[in-house]
Amino acid sequence: MRVIITAATVGEWMPSFVQLNGLYSGESERMKVQFYQSGVGMLASAVAFTRLAIEDKPDLVIQIGIAGSFNQKLALGKVVVVNEEILGDTGVEEAGIWKDIFDLKLEKSSYHPFEKRKLPNPWLSKYNLLQLLEVNAITINEISTNSNRIEMIRKKYNPTIETMEGAALHYVCRETNIPFLQIRAISNYIGERDKSKWKINHSIEQLNKTVLAYLEKLYTIK
């Protein structure tokens, strides 16, 4: 089994890389693990994931990273797995109302790879081996800071977390029929710009502990 761990930045997967059991990187014929940097944002990630799908043909892609949470009841550092992704900034704002590509009739809401405007993970029940909390996510290219826009997103999509690359993973892997998993650690709450209140280092630590535990679990059942 060929598993690729990917993140927008090297720093998000480096702790797992340096602590990885050598069995998975060279000795084992049962499971091979590689690491890959996709770049920040949907555009760079879409190109990276398409290249992975065509050139490497992995059996499982695991995207990891930090994320902002709309739900302040989720503790910073909490590790979650994404069920459904939504495109959050592809559309137009008119008279204070956000209209996405489906509202604008530029895309059919259930035309593949979409299902009812969303990009769900059909492999989640099979690969959520650690029974992580399943959440819905929205992907944007500009981190949400405007209170009015944040409220529009809440009312329209009711997401739990926000990322900058998740939808690219879901879109490409659904199109290419490659199993995937998106694991995120909550580093901050949406709208909070005082970074002294963010828990980036703690979130990355918790994230990578989860990744290493996940690979151990995956190896035992494959």
C-alpha atoms as a PDB file:
ATOM      1  CA  MET A   1       0.000   0.000   0.000  1.00  0.00           C
ATOM      2  CA  ARG A   2       1.392   3.412  -1.025  1.00  0.00           C
ATOM      3  CA  VAL A   3       0.435   6.193   1.375  1.00  0.00           C
ATOM      4  CA  ILE A   4       1.245   9.856   0.785  1.00  0.00           C
ATOM      5  CA  ILE A   5       1.150  12.355   3.653  1.00  0.00           C
ATOM      6  CA  THR A   6       0.674  15.848   2.279  1.00  0.00           C
ATOM      7  CA  ALA A   7       0.367  19.333   3.733  1.00  0.00           C
ATOM      8  CA  ALA A   8       0.494  22.896   2.475  1.00  0.00           C
ATOM      9  CA  THR A   9       3.791  23.490   4.267  1.00  0.00           C
ATOM     10  CA  VAL A  10       6.674  21.235   5.275  1.00  0.00           C
ATOM     11  CA  GLY A  11       6.381  22.368   8.884  1.00  0.00           C
ATOM     12  CA  GLU A  12       2.977  20.745   9.235  1.00  0.00           C
ATOM     13  CA  TRP A  13       4.295  17.228   8.536  1.00  0.00           C
ATOM     14  CA  MET A  14       7.954  17.515   9.553  1.00  0.00           C
ATOM     15  CA  PRO A  15       7.457  16.084  13.089  1.00  0.00           C
ATOM     16  CA  SER A  16       5.955  12.928  11.564  1.00  0.00           C
ATOM     17  CA  PHE A  17       8.702  12.753   8.954  1.00  0.00           C
ATOM     18  CA  VAL A  18      11.524  12.782  11.512  1.00  0.00           C
ATOM     19  CA  GLN A  19       9.781  10.305  13.832  1.00  0.00           C
ATOM     20  CA  LEU A  20       8.464   7.945  11.172  1.00  0.00           C
ATOM     21  CA  ASN A  21       9.041   4.257  11.790  1.00  0.00           C
ATOM     22  CA  GLY A  22      11.708   3.206   9.273  1.00  0.00           C
ATOM     23  CA  LEU A  23       9.589   0.178   8.530  1.00  0.00           C
ATOM     24  CA  TYR A  24       7.189   2.393   6.587  1.00  0.00           C
ATOM     25  CA  SER A  25       9.798   4.320   4.638  1.00  0.00           C
ATOM     26  CA  GLY A  26      11.986   1.488   3.401  1.00  0.00           C
ATOM     27  CA  GLU A  27      11.801  -1.956   4.959  1.00  0.00           C
ATOM     28  CA  SER A  28       8.161  -2.863   4.621  1.00  0.00           C
ATOM     29  CA  GLU A  29       6.727  -4.258   1.412  1.00  0.00           C
ATOM     30  CA  ARG A  30       3.314  -4.015   3.001  1.00  0.00           C
ATOM     31  CA  MET A  31       3.088  -0.228   3.364  1.00  0.00           C
ATOM     32  CA  LYS A  32       5.224   2.593   1.965  1.00  0.00           C
ATOM     33  CA  VAL A  33       4.832   6.135   3.278  1.00  0.00           C
ATOM     34  CA  GLN A  34       5.998   9.267   1.473  1.00  0.00           C
ATOM     35  CA  PHE A  35       5.699  12.969   2.318  1.00  0.00           C
ATOM     36  CA  TYR A  36       4.713  15.722  -0.078  1.00  0.00           C
ATOM     37  CA  GLN A  37       4.320  19.503   0.127  1.00  0.00           C
ATOM     38  CA  SER A  38       1.329  20.760  -1.873  1.00  0.00           C
ATOM     39  CA  GLY A  39       1.763  24.512  -1.448  1.00  0.00           C
ATOM     40  CA  VAL A  40      -0.669  27.008   0.064  1.00  0.00           C
ATOM     41  CA  GLY A  41      -4.155  27.574  -1.354  1.00  0.00           C
ATOM     42  CA  MET A  42      -6.472  25.757  -3.730  1.00  0.00           C
ATOM     43  CA  LEU A  43      -4.580  26.547  -6.948  1.00  0.00           C
ATOM     44  CA  ALA A  44      -1.187  25.167  -5.895  1.00  0.00           C
ATOM     45  CA  SER A  45      -2.824  22.222  -4.155  1.00  0.00           C
ATOM     46  CA  ALA A  46      -5.011  21.282  -7.116  1.00  0.00           C
ATOM     47  CA  VAL A  47      -1.943  21.113  -9.371  1.00  0.00           C
ATOM     48  CA  ALA A  48       0.008  19.134  -6.772  1.00  0.00           C
ATOM     49  CA  PHE A  49      -2.772  16.605  -6.172  1.00  0.00           C
ATOM     50  CA  THR A  50      -3.392  16.131  -9.885  1.00  0.00           C
ATOM     51  CA  ARG A  51       0.299  15.443 -10.409  1.00  0.00           C
ATOM     52  CA  LEU A  52       0.262  12.954  -7.531  1.00  0.00           C
ATOM     53  CA  ALA A  53      -2.762  11.171  -8.951  1.00  0.00           C
ATOM     54  CA  ILE A  54      -1.282  10.863 -12.435  1.00  0.00           C
ATOM     55  CA  GLU A  55       2.384  10.221 -11.667  1.00  0.00           C
ATOM     56  CA  ASP A  56       2.409   8.427  -8.297  1.00  0.00           C
ATOM     57  CA  LYS A  57      -0.995   6.701  -8.234  1.00  0.00           C
ATOM     58  CA  PRO A  58      -1.116   6.349  -4.427  1.00  0.00           C
ATOM     59  CA  ASP A  59      -3.486   3.983  -2.659  1.00  0.00           C
ATOM     60  CA  LEU A  60      -4.289   6.599  -0.004  1.00  0.00           C
ATOM     61  CA  VAL A  61      -3.637  10.345   0.273  1.00  0.00           C
ATOM     62  CA  ILE A  62      -3.707  11.839   3.762  1.00  0.00           C
ATOM     63  CA  GLN A  63      -3.830  15.614   3.832  1.00  0.00           C
ATOM     64  CA  ILE A  64      -2.903  17.116   7.201  1.00  0.00           C
ATOM     65  CA  GLY A  65      -2.697  20.651   8.496  1.00  0.00           C
ATOM     66  CA  ILE A  66      -3.987  23.257  10.896  1.00  0.00           C
ATOM     67  CA  ALA A  67      -7.385  24.909  10.571  1.00  0.00           C
ATOM     68  CA  GLY A  68      -9.550  27.670  11.986  1.00  0.00           C
ATOM     69  CA  SER A  69     -12.767  26.727  13.762  1.00  0.00           C
ATOM     70  CA  PHE A  70     -16.166  28.414  13.623  1.00  0.00           C
ATOM     71  CA  ASN A  71     -17.121  26.411  16.726  1.00  0.00           C
ATOM     72  CA  GLN A  72     -15.508  27.827  19.849  1.00  0.00           C
ATOM     73  CA  LYS A  73     -16.566  24.764  21.835  1.00  0.00           C
ATOM     74  CA  LEU A  74     -13.834  22.825  20.051  1.00  0.00           C
ATOM     75  CA  ALA A  75     -10.628  23.104  22.069  1.00  0.00           C
ATOM     76  CA  LEU A  76      -7.559  24.491  20.335  1.00  0.00           C
ATOM     77  CA  GLY A  77      -5.362  21.542  19.442  1.00  0.00           C
ATOM     78  CA  LYS A  78      -8.359  19.265  18.846  1.00  0.00           C
ATOM     79  CA  VAL A  79      -7.728  16.912  15.926  1.00  0.00           C
ATOM     80  CA  VAL A  80     -10.638  16.258  13.561  1.00  0.00           C
ATOM     81  CA  VAL A  81     -11.284  14.603  10.233  1.00  0.00           C
ATOM     82  CA  VAL A  82     -13.249  16.244   7.416  1.00  0.00           C
ATOM     83  CA  ASN A  83     -16.396  14.655   6.068  1.00  0.00           C
ATOM     84  CA  GLU A  84     -17.639  17.212   3.519  1.00  0.00           C
ATOM     85  CA  GLU A  85     -15.908  20.164   1.844  1.00  0.00           C
ATOM     86  CA  ILE A  86     -17.517  23.300   0.426  1.00  0.00           C
ATOM     87  CA  LEU A  87     -16.114  25.922  -1.947  1.00  0.00           C
ATOM     88  CA  GLY A  88     -16.331  29.097   0.087  1.00  0.00           C
ATOM     89  CA  ASP A  89     -15.154  31.939  -2.135  1.00  0.00           C
ATOM     90  CA  THR A  90     -16.029  30.973  -5.694  1.00  0.00           C
ATOM     91  CA  GLY A  91     -18.915  33.243  -6.617  1.00  0.00           C
ATOM     92  CA  VAL A  92     -20.045  36.818  -6.068  1.00  0.00           C
ATOM     93  CA  GLU A  93     -21.356  39.015  -3.266  1.00  0.00           C
ATOM     94  CA  GLU A  94     -24.346  41.088  -4.364  1.00  0.00           C
ATOM     95  CA  ALA A  95     -26.212  43.506  -2.094  1.00  0.00           C
ATOM     96  CA  GLY A  96     -24.716  41.845   0.955  1.00  0.00           C
ATOM     97  CA  ILE A  97     -25.713  38.360  -0.146  1.00  0.00           C
ATOM     98  CA  TRP A  98     -23.162  35.689  -1.062  1.00  0.00           C
ATOM     99  CA  LYS A  99     -24.001  33.692  -4.196  1.00  0.00           C
ATOM    100  CA  ASP A 100     -21.872  30.691  -5.087  1.00  0.00           C
ATOM    101  CA  ILE A 101     -21.441  28.997  -8.459  1.00  0.00           C
ATOM    102  CA  PHE A 102     -24.542  26.899  -7.854  1.00  0.00           C
ATOM    103  CA  ASP A 103     -26.711  29.918  -7.043  1.00  0.00           C
ATOM    104  CA  LEU A 104     -25.381  31.544 -10.206  1.00  0.00           C
ATOM    105  CA  LYS A 105     -26.238  28.439 -12.278  1.00  0.00           C
ATOM    106  CA  LEU A 106     -22.622  28.131 -13.378  1.00  0.00           C
ATOM    107  CA  GLU A 107     -22.431  24.573 -12.048  1.00  0.00           C
ATOM    108  CA  LYS A 108     -25.001  21.885 -11.310  1.00  0.00           C
ATOM    109  CA  SER A 109     -25.221  21.113  -7.608  1.00  0.00           C
ATOM    110  CA  SER A 110     -24.864  17.343  -8.041  1.00  0.00           C
ATOM    111  CA  TYR A 111     -22.711  17.207 -11.160  1.00  0.00           C
ATOM    112  CA  HIS A 112     -19.677  15.069 -10.413  1.00  0.00           C
ATOM    113  CA  PRO A 113     -17.599  15.488  -8.314  1.00  0.00           C
ATOM    114  CA  PHE A 114     -20.180  17.494  -6.341  1.00  0.00           C
ATOM    115  CA  GLU A 115     -23.080  16.087  -4.351  1.00  0.00           C
ATOM    116  CA  LYS A 116     -25.669  18.648  -3.293  1.00  0.00           C
ATOM    117  CA  ARG A 117     -23.093  21.459  -3.631  1.00  0.00           C
ATOM    118  CA  LYS A 118     -20.601  19.600  -1.449  1.00  0.00           C
ATOM    119  CA  LEU A 119     -17.539  17.404  -1.868  1.00  0.00           C
ATOM    120  CA  PRO A 120     -18.022  14.517   0.586  1.00  0.00           C
ATOM    121  CA  ASN A 121     -15.427  11.853   1.319  1.00  0.00           C
ATOM    122  CA  PRO A 122     -16.906   8.475   0.274  1.00  0.00           C
ATOM    123  CA  TRP A 123     -13.968   6.619   1.857  1.00  0.00           C
ATOM    124  CA  LEU A 124     -14.300   8.210   5.299  1.00  0.00           C
ATOM    125  CA  SER A 125     -16.130   5.326   6.967  1.00  0.00           C
ATOM    126  CA  LYS A 126     -13.409   2.926   5.804  1.00  0.00           C
ATOM    127  CA  TYR A 127     -10.371   5.018   6.685  1.00  0.00           C
ATOM    128  CA  ASN A 128     -11.370   6.918   9.839  1.00  0.00           C
ATOM    129  CA  LEU A 129      -9.517   4.261  11.804  1.00  0.00           C
ATOM    130  CA  LEU A 130      -9.027   6.350  14.944  1.00  0.00           C
ATOM    131  CA  GLN A 131     -12.687   7.382  15.035  1.00  0.00           C
ATOM    132  CA  LEU A 132     -11.760  11.061  14.947  1.00  0.00           C
ATOM    133  CA  LEU A 133     -14.537  13.628  15.228  1.00  0.00           C
ATOM    134  CA  GLU A 134     -16.035  14.126  11.758  1.00  0.00           C
ATOM    135  CA  VAL A 135     -16.681  17.738  10.747  1.00  0.00           C
ATOM    136  CA  ASN A 136     -17.715  19.723   7.687  1.00  0.00           C
ATOM    137  CA  ALA A 137     -15.262  22.222   6.229  1.00  0.00           C
ATOM    138  CA  ILE A 138     -15.198  25.215   3.949  1.00  0.00           C
ATOM    139  CA  THR A 139     -12.202  26.084   1.768  1.00  0.00           C
ATOM    140  CA  ILE A 140     -11.260  29.674   1.010  1.00  0.00           C
ATOM    141  CA  ASN A 141      -8.217  31.360  -0.474  1.00  0.00           C
ATOM    142  CA  GLU A 142      -8.430  34.368   1.842  1.00  0.00           C
ATOM    143  CA  ILE A 143      -8.635  33.712   5.581  1.00  0.00           C
ATOM    144  CA  SER A 144     -11.973  35.029   6.871  1.00  0.00           C
ATOM    145  CA  THR A 145     -11.609  38.114   9.081  1.00  0.00           C
ATOM    146  CA  ASN A 146     -14.620  40.277   8.158  1.00  0.00           C
ATOM    147  CA  SER A 147     -17.420  39.720  10.701  1.00  0.00           C
ATOM    148  CA  ASN A 148     -20.178  40.218   8.115  1.00  0.00           C
ATOM    149  CA  ARG A 149     -18.635  37.715   5.730  1.00  0.00           C
ATOM    150  CA  ILE A 150     -18.093  35.228   8.558  1.00  0.00           C
ATOM    151  CA  GLU A 151     -21.762  35.473   9.496  1.00  0.00           C
ATOM    152  CA  MET A 152     -22.814  34.965   5.855  1.00  0.00           C
ATOM    153  CA  ILE A 153     -20.690  31.804   5.690  1.00  0.00           C
ATOM    154  CA  ARG A 154     -22.156  30.513   8.959  1.00  0.00           C
ATOM    155  CA  LYS A 155     -25.746  31.031   7.823  1.00  0.00           C
ATOM    156  CA  LYS A 156     -25.291  29.672   4.309  1.00  0.00           C
ATOM    157  CA  TYR A 157     -23.059  26.650   4.886  1.00  0.00           C
ATOM    158  CA  ASN A 158     -22.815  26.032   8.653  1.00  0.00           C
ATOM    159  CA  PRO A 159     -19.212  24.734   8.459  1.00  0.00           C
ATOM    160  CA  THR A 160     -17.212  23.659  11.490  1.00  0.00           C
ATOM    161  CA  ILE A 161     -13.743  24.524  10.204  1.00  0.00           C
ATOM    162  CA  GLU A 162     -12.068  26.610   7.505  1.00  0.00           C
ATOM    163  CA  THR A 163      -8.998  25.658   5.451  1.00  0.00           C
ATOM    164  CA  MET A 164      -7.224  26.893   2.329  1.00  0.00           C
ATOM    165  CA  GLU A 165      -6.604  23.566   0.553  1.00  0.00           C
ATOM    166  CA  GLY A 166      -9.154  20.935   1.582  1.00  0.00           C
ATOM    167  CA  ALA A 167     -11.585  21.291  -1.311  1.00  0.00           C
ATOM    168  CA  ALA A 168      -8.737  20.769  -3.792  1.00  0.00           C
ATOM    169  CA  LEU A 169      -7.974  17.399  -2.192  1.00  0.00           C
ATOM    170  CA  HIS A 170     -11.612  16.318  -2.201  1.00  0.00           C
ATOM    171  CA  TYR A 171     -12.186  17.512  -5.764  1.00  0.00           C
ATOM    172  CA  VAL A 172      -9.130  15.866  -7.339  1.00  0.00           C
ATOM    173  CA  CYS A 173      -9.368  12.596  -5.423  1.00  0.00           C
ATOM    174  CA  ARG A 174     -13.078  12.229  -6.154  1.00  0.00           C
ATOM    175  CA  GLU A 175     -12.381  12.872  -9.841  1.00  0.00           C
ATOM    176  CA  THR A 176      -9.515  10.354  -9.954  1.00  0.00           C
ATOM    177  CA  ASN A 177     -11.123   7.793  -7.606  1.00  0.00           C
ATOM    178  CA  ILE A 178      -8.211   7.811  -5.152  1.00  0.00           C
ATOM    179  CA  PRO A 179      -9.057   7.206  -1.471  1.00  0.00           C
ATOM    180  CA  PHE A 180      -8.193  10.146   0.764  1.00  0.00           C
ATOM    181  CA  LEU A 181      -8.430  11.490   4.272  1.00  0.00           C
ATOM    182  CA  GLN A 182      -8.206  15.082   5.506  1.00  0.00           C
ATOM    183  CA  ILE A 183      -6.994  15.405   9.098  1.00  0.00           C
ATOM    184  CA  ARG A 184      -6.861  18.835  10.713  1.00  0.00           C
ATOM    185  CA  ALA A 185      -5.920  20.289  14.104  1.00  0.00           C
ATOM    186  CA  ILE A 186      -7.716  23.387  15.372  1.00  0.00           C
ATOM    187  CA  SER A 187      -5.175  26.191  15.771  1.00  0.00           C
ATOM    188  CA  ASN A 188      -7.463  29.217  16.135  1.00  0.00           C
ATOM    189  CA  TYR A 189     -11.021  30.467  16.071  1.00  0.00           C
ATOM    190  CA  ILE A 190     -12.342  32.179  12.958  1.00  0.00           C
ATOM    191  CA  GLY A 191     -12.131  35.965  13.170  1.00  0.00           C
ATOM    192  CA  GLU A 192      -9.494  36.032  15.914  1.00  0.00           C
ATOM    193  CA  ARG A 193      -6.522  37.952  14.511  1.00  0.00           C
ATOM    194  CA  ASP A 194      -4.514  38.200  17.728  1.00  0.00           C
ATOM    195  CA  LYS A 195      -2.057  35.415  16.964  1.00  0.00           C
ATOM    196  CA  SER A 196      -0.880  35.309  20.561  1.00  0.00           C
ATOM    197  CA  LYS A 197      -4.183  33.507  21.167  1.00  0.00           C
ATOM    198  CA  TRP A 198      -3.536  30.960  18.422  1.00  0.00           C
ATOM    199  CA  LYS A 199      -2.064  27.565  19.313  1.00  0.00           C
ATOM    200  CA  ILE A 200      -0.120  26.730  16.157  1.00  0.00           C
ATOM    201  CA  ASN A 201       2.758  24.811  17.732  1.00  0.00           C
ATOM    202  CA  HIS A 202       0.467  22.864  20.046  1.00  0.00           C
ATOM    203  CA  SER A 203      -1.865  22.038  17.149  1.00  0.00           C
ATOM    204  CA  ILE A 204       0.983  20.799  14.959  1.00  0.00           C
ATOM    205  CA  GLU A 205       2.241  18.656  17.837  1.00  0.00           C
ATOM    206  CA  GLN A 206      -1.183  17.089  18.403  1.00  0.00           C
ATOM    207  CA  LEU A 207      -1.688  16.678  14.667  1.00  0.00           C
ATOM    208  CA  ASN A 208       1.522  14.732  14.191  1.00  0.00           C
ATOM    209  CA  LYS A 209       0.928  12.527  17.231  1.00  0.00           C
ATOM    210  CA  THR A 210      -2.347  11.589  15.580  1.00  0.00           C
ATOM    211  CA  VAL A 211      -0.707  10.958  12.207  1.00  0.00           C
ATOM    212  CA  LEU A 212       1.875   8.589  13.704  1.00  0.00           C
ATOM    213  CA  ALA A 213      -0.818   6.750  15.663  1.00  0.00           C
ATOM    214  CA  TYR A 214      -2.893   6.517  12.500  1.00  0.00           C
ATOM    215  CA  LEU A 215      -0.061   4.974  10.476  1.00  0.00           C
ATOM    216  CA  GLU A 216       0.520   2.376  13.196  1.00  0.00           C
ATOM    217  CA  LYS A 217      -3.163   1.484  13.094  1.00  0.00           C
ATOM    218  CA  LEU A 218      -3.250   1.401   9.298  1.00  0.00           C
ATOM    219  CA  TYR A 219      -0.242  -0.930   9.172  1.00  0.00           C
ATOM    220  CA  THR A 220      -1.809  -3.427  11.551  1.00  0.00           C
ATOM    221  CA  ILE A 221      -4.945  -3.866   9.458  1.00  0.00           C
ATOM    222  CA  LYS A 222      -3.380  -3.842   5.969  1.00  0.00           C
END
